[in-house]
C-alpha atoms as a PDB file:
ATOM      1  CA  MET A   1     107.213  90.956  78.093  1.00  0.00           C
ATOM      2  CA  ARG A   2     104.165  89.744  77.891  1.00  0.00           C
ATOM      3  CA  HIS A   3     102.749  92.028  81.453  1.00  0.00           C
ATOM      4  CA  VAL A   4     103.863  95.741  79.837  1.00  0.00           C
ATOM      5  CA  LYS A   5     101.653  97.062  77.971  1.00  0.00           C
ATOM      6  CA  LYS A   6     101.069 100.301  75.287  1.00  0.00           C
ATOM      7  CA  ASP A   7      98.004 101.502  74.694  1.00  0.00           C
ATOM      8  CA  SER A   8      96.656 105.188  72.522  1.00  0.00           C
ATOM      9  CA  VAL A   9      93.878 106.527  74.957  1.00  0.00           C
ATOM     10  CA  LYS A  10      91.818 109.134  73.856  1.00  0.00           C
ATOM     11  CA  LEU A  11      92.344 112.236  75.827  1.00  0.00           C
ATOM     12  CA  PRO A  12      88.848 114.822  77.241  1.00  0.00           C
ATOM     13  CA  ASN A  13      90.614 117.300  75.004  1.00  0.00           C
ATOM     14  CA  GLY A  14      90.358 114.848  72.127  1.00  0.00           C
ATOM     15  CA  THR A  15      94.482 114.222  71.396  1.00  0.00           C
ATOM     16  CA  GLU A  16      95.632 110.799  71.489  1.00  0.00           C
ATOM     17  CA  SER A  17      98.387 109.928  73.789  1.00  0.00           C
ATOM     18  CA  GLY A  18     100.108 106.940  74.539  1.00  0.00           C
ATOM     19  CA  ARG A  19     100.210 104.786  77.822  1.00  0.00           C
ATOM     20  CA  GLU A  20     102.012 102.331  78.593  1.00  0.00           C
ATOM     21  CA  TYR A  21     100.985 100.421  82.247  1.00  0.00           C
ATOM     22  CA  ILE A  22     102.094  97.070  83.791  1.00  0.00           C
ATOM     23  CA  ARG A  23      99.542  94.359  84.113  1.00  0.00           C
ATOM     24  CA  HIS A  24      99.547  92.499  87.344  1.00  0.00           C
ATOM     25  CA  PRO A  25      97.114  89.776  89.028  1.00  0.00           C
ATOM     26  CA  GLY A  26      96.853  91.360  92.620  1.00  0.00           C
ATOM     27  CA  ALA A  27      98.308  90.537  95.789  1.00  0.00           C
ATOM     28  CA  VAL A  28      98.088  90.255  99.554  1.00  0.00           C
ATOM     29  CA  ALA A  29      99.959  91.472 102.908  1.00  0.00           C
ATOM     30  CA  VAL A  30      99.352  90.482 106.423  1.00  0.00           C
ATOM     31  CA  VAL A  31     100.050  92.062 109.296  1.00  0.00           C
ATOM     32  CA  PRO A  32     101.149  89.520 111.372  1.00  0.00           C
ATOM     33  CA  VAL A  33     100.153  90.440 115.515  1.00  0.00           C
ATOM     34  CA  LEU A  34     101.388  88.259 118.035  1.00  0.00           C
ATOM     35  CA  ASP A  35      99.409  87.678 121.386  1.00  0.00           C
ATOM     36  CA  ASP A  36     101.249  90.333 122.924  1.00  0.00           C
ATOM     37  CA  GLY A  37     101.207  92.862 120.776  1.00  0.00           C
ATOM     38  CA  ARG A  38     104.101  92.694 118.393  1.00  0.00           C
ATOM     39  CA  ILE A  39     104.172  93.204 114.903  1.00  0.00           C
ATOM     40  CA  VAL A  40     105.988  89.928 112.834  1.00  0.00           C
ATOM     41  CA  LEU A  41     108.109  91.786 109.749  1.00  0.00           C
ATOM     42  CA  VAL A  42     110.119  89.347 107.427  1.00  0.00           C
ATOM     43  CA  LYS A  43     113.123  91.337 106.065  1.00  0.00           C
ATOM     44  CA  GLN A  44     113.781  90.615 102.798  1.00  0.00           C
ATOM     45  CA  CYS A  45     116.013  91.488  99.261  1.00  0.00           C
ATOM     46  CA  ARG A  46     114.536  94.173  96.987  1.00  0.00           C
ATOM     47  CA  TYR A  47     116.243  93.692  93.787  1.00  0.00           C
ATOM     48  CA  PRO A  48     114.882  96.835  92.047  1.00  0.00           C
ATOM     49  CA  LEU A  49     115.721  98.901  94.701  1.00  0.00           C
ATOM     50  CA  ASP A  50     118.632  97.647  95.536  1.00  0.00           C
ATOM     51  CA  THR A  51     118.757  97.126  98.787  1.00  0.00           C
ATOM     52  CA  VAL A  52     117.475  94.882 101.957  1.00  0.00           C
ATOM     53  CA  MET A  53     114.697  95.959 104.037  1.00  0.00           C
ATOM     54  CA  TRP A  54     111.817  95.237 106.415  1.00  0.00           C
ATOM     55  CA  GLU A  55     108.186  94.773 105.859  1.00  0.00           C
ATOM     56  CA  ILE A  56     104.998  92.820 106.478  1.00  0.00           C
ATOM     57  CA  PRO A  57     104.507  89.350 104.304  1.00  0.00           C
ATOM     58  CA  ALA A  58     102.818  89.710 101.584  1.00  0.00           C
ATOM     59  CA  GLY A  59     102.259  88.053  97.711  1.00  0.00           C
ATOM     60  CA  LYS A  60     100.518  87.642  94.590  1.00  0.00           C
ATOM     61  CA  LEU A  61      97.935  85.771  93.706  1.00  0.00           C
ATOM     62  CA  ASP A  62      97.965  82.525  91.385  1.00  0.00           C
ATOM     63  CA  HIS A  63      95.864  83.732  89.572  1.00  0.00           C
ATOM     64  CA  SER A  64      93.183  86.770  89.668  1.00  0.00           C
ATOM     65  CA  ALA A  65      90.074  84.386  90.310  1.00  0.00           C
ATOM     66  CA  GLU A  66      92.528  83.017  94.010  1.00  0.00           C
ATOM     67  CA  ASN A  67      90.484  84.153  96.958  1.00  0.00           C
ATOM     68  CA  ILE A  68      92.436  86.473  98.313  1.00  0.00           C
ATOM     69  CA  GLU A  69      91.943  85.010 102.162  1.00  0.00           C
ATOM     70  CA  ASP A  70      93.340  81.713 100.763  1.00  0.00           C
ATOM     71  CA  CYS A  71      96.445  83.830  99.408  1.00  0.00           C
ATOM     72  CA  ALA A  72      97.414  85.337 102.760  1.00  0.00           C
ATOM     73  CA  ARG A  73      97.656  82.263 104.212  1.00  0.00           C
ATOM     74  CA  ARG A  74      99.438  81.099 102.149  1.00  0.00           C
ATOM     75  CA  GLU A  75     101.798  83.715 101.878  1.00  0.00           C
ATOM     76  CA  LEU A  76     101.686  84.181 105.958  1.00  0.00           C
ATOM     77  CA  SER A  77     102.973  80.781 106.074  1.00  0.00           C
ATOM     78  CA  GLU A  78     105.415  80.655 103.447  1.00  0.00           C
ATOM     79  CA  GLU A  79     107.239  84.041 104.937  1.00  0.00           C
ATOM     80  CA  THR A  80     106.844  83.319 108.150  1.00  0.00           C
ATOM     81  CA  GLY A  81     106.497  79.537 109.307  1.00  0.00           C
ATOM     82  CA  TYR A  82     102.981  81.551 111.215  1.00  0.00           C
ATOM     83  CA  GLU A  83      99.241  79.931 110.876  1.00  0.00           C
ATOM     84  CA  ALA A  84      96.585  82.360 112.002  1.00  0.00           C
ATOM     85  CA  LYS A  85      93.045  81.459 113.800  1.00  0.00           C
ATOM     86  CA  GLU A  86      91.830  84.964 113.912  1.00  0.00           C
ATOM     87  CA  TRP A  87      91.864  86.674 110.351  1.00  0.00           C
ATOM     88  CA  ARG A  88      89.811  90.221 109.136  1.00  0.00           C
ATOM     89  CA  PHE A  89      89.844  92.390 106.372  1.00  0.00           C
ATOM     90  CA  LEU A  90      91.932  95.490 106.607  1.00  0.00           C
ATOM     91  CA  CYS A  91      91.397  97.397 103.159  1.00  0.00           C
ATOM     92  CA  SER A  92      92.637  97.085  99.585  1.00  0.00           C
ATOM     93  CA  ILE A  93      94.914  99.309  97.765  1.00  0.00           C
ATOM     94  CA  ALA A  94      95.761 100.466  94.724  1.00  0.00           C
ATOM     95  CA  THR A  95      99.945 100.497  94.467  1.00  0.00           C
ATOM     96  CA  THR A  96     100.605 102.534  91.959  1.00  0.00           C
ATOM     97  CA  PRO A  97      97.579 103.357  89.541  1.00  0.00           C
ATOM     98  CA  GLY A  98     100.107 105.877  87.342  1.00  0.00           C
ATOM     99  CA  PHE A  99     101.678 102.771  85.715  1.00  0.00           C
ATOM    100  CA  SER A 100     100.396  99.655  86.867  1.00  0.00           C
ATOM    101  CA  ASP A 101      96.639  97.850  87.685  1.00  0.00           C
ATOM    102  CA  GLU A 102      98.364  96.037  90.850  1.00  0.00           C
ATOM    103  CA  VAL A 103      95.776  95.918  93.638  1.00  0.00           C
ATOM    104  CA  ILE A 104      97.079  94.934  97.574  1.00  0.00           C
ATOM    105  CA  HIS A 105      94.224  93.307  99.339  1.00  0.00           C
ATOM    106  CA  LEU A 106      95.892  93.976 103.162  1.00  0.00           C
ATOM    107  CA  PHE A 107      94.485  91.832 106.064  1.00  0.00           C
ATOM    108  CA  GLU A 108      94.784  91.082 109.964  1.00  0.00           C
ATOM    109  CA  ALA A 109      95.817  87.414 110.917  1.00  0.00           C
ATOM    110  CA  ARG A 110      95.930  87.076 115.134  1.00  0.00           C
ATOM    111  CA  GLY A 111      95.830  84.103 116.865  1.00  0.00           C
ATOM    112  CA  LEU A 112      99.142  83.051 115.761  1.00  0.00           C
ATOM    113  CA  THR A 113     100.569  79.845 116.517  1.00  0.00           C
ATOM    114  CA  ALA A 114     104.678  78.924 114.940  1.00  0.00           C
ATOM    115  CA  HIS A 115     105.419  76.552 112.638  1.00  0.00           C
ATOM    116  CA  ASN A 116     108.266  76.134 109.569  1.00  0.00           C
ATOM    117  CA  GLN A 117     109.287  78.552 107.854  1.00  0.00           C
ATOM    118  CA  HIS A 118     108.610  77.191 103.876  1.00  0.00           C
ATOM    119  CA  THR A 119     109.917  80.072 101.453  1.00  0.00           C
ATOM    120  CA  ASP A 120     110.436  79.160  97.473  1.00  0.00           C
ATOM    121  CA  ALA A 121     113.900  78.547  96.138  1.00  0.00           C
ATOM    122  CA  ASP A 122     114.454  81.302  95.404  1.00  0.00           C
ATOM    123  CA  GLU A 123     113.690  83.602  98.933  1.00  0.00           C
ATOM    124  CA  PHE A 124     116.020  84.214 101.272  1.00  0.00           C
ATOM    125  CA  ILE A 125     113.508  86.030 104.260  1.00  0.00           C
ATOM    126  CA  GLY A 126     114.510  86.658 108.135  1.00  0.00           C
ATOM    127  CA  VAL A 127     111.757  87.121 110.800  1.00  0.00           C
ATOM    128  CA  GLN A 128     111.294  89.032 113.333  1.00  0.00           C
ATOM    129  CA  ALA A 129     109.002  90.342 115.532  1.00  0.00           C
ATOM    130  CA  PHE A 130     108.639  94.617 117.035  1.00  0.00           C
ATOM    131  CA  THR A 131     106.102  96.879 118.957  1.00  0.00           C
ATOM    132  CA  LEU A 132     105.025  99.076 117.400  1.00  0.00           C
ATOM    133  CA  ALA A 133     106.819 101.626 119.178  1.00  0.00           C
ATOM    134  CA  GLU A 134     110.173  99.787 117.715  1.00  0.00           C
ATOM    135  CA  ILE A 135     108.178 100.362 114.229  1.00  0.00           C
ATOM    136  CA  ASN A 136     107.483 103.677 114.398  1.00  0.00           C
ATOM    137  CA  VAL A 137     111.016 104.382 115.180  1.00  0.00           C
ATOM    138  CA  MET A 138     112.391 102.466 111.677  1.00  0.00           C
ATOM    139  CA  ILE A 139     109.362 104.147 109.803  1.00  0.00           C
ATOM    140  CA  CYS A 140     111.553 107.302 111.085  1.00  0.00           C
ATOM    141  CA  LYS A 141     114.795 106.616 110.042  1.00  0.00           C
ATOM    142  CA  GLY A 142     113.402 105.163 106.943  1.00  0.00           C
ATOM    143  CA  GLU A 143     114.579 101.496 107.820  1.00  0.00           C
ATOM    144  CA  LEU A 144     110.856 100.799 107.320  1.00  0.00           C
ATOM    145  CA  PHE A 145     109.894 102.265 104.032  1.00  0.00           C
ATOM    146  CA  ASP A 146     107.580 100.122 101.897  1.00  0.00           C
ATOM    147  CA  ALA A 147     104.489 101.633 100.957  1.00  0.00           C
ATOM    148  CA  LYS A 148     101.789  98.922 101.605  1.00  0.00           C
ATOM    149  CA  SER A 149     103.093  98.152 105.113  1.00  0.00           C
ATOM    150  CA  ILE A 150     102.861 101.677 105.976  1.00  0.00           C
ATOM    151  CA  CYS A 151      99.493 101.174 104.585  1.00  0.00           C
ATOM    152  CA  ALA A 152      98.308  98.308 106.211  1.00  0.00           C
ATOM    153  CA  LEU A 153      99.540  99.324 109.668  1.00  0.00           C
ATOM    154  CA  HIS A 154      98.145 102.910 109.620  1.00  0.00           C
ATOM    155  CA  ALA A 155      94.826 100.726 108.465  1.00  0.00           C
ATOM    156  CA  LEU A 156      94.878  98.722 111.338  1.00  0.00           C
ATOM    157  CA  GLU A 157      94.416 101.408 113.696  1.00  0.00           C
ATOM    158  CA  ILE A 158      91.598 102.754 111.643  1.00  0.00           C
ATOM    159  CA  VAL A 159      90.100 100.008 110.825  1.00  0.00           C
ATOM    160  CA  LYS A 160      88.042  98.441 114.387  1.00  0.00           C
ATOM    161  CA  LYS A 161      85.989  96.111 114.075  1.00  0.00           C
END
């Protein structure tokens, strides 16, 4: 696979060691907040974990130079069918710096208007809105354990306007 790399690196003590890592173009994730305060989540199959899981809408940048807010708008629309009038950047997270250079840019979206979901042909995504109290229960029960979603929901609370 062309995205898996292996380098030889010189360590601080002068010895050499191998490092395997995955190159990633980056991604975005969106916390869509309805007017009543509920959060829109998507439910989809995550093959590497052999499970179906709840998470916030997200997706890869088409290329490393793609505008992150444009990508966030596209992913929100594709996965949920919603469009947003108000966008706020929350923060960026390095998802797994031990073996990947992936950075996910997290956004909040408000002023949502529902349209038709238009997923990719290989995506089967359920969409449902939850209160923060319901989401907290889902996290405690292990029903929502996606790192980007938990980080974004936390950032939503600590990154004030």
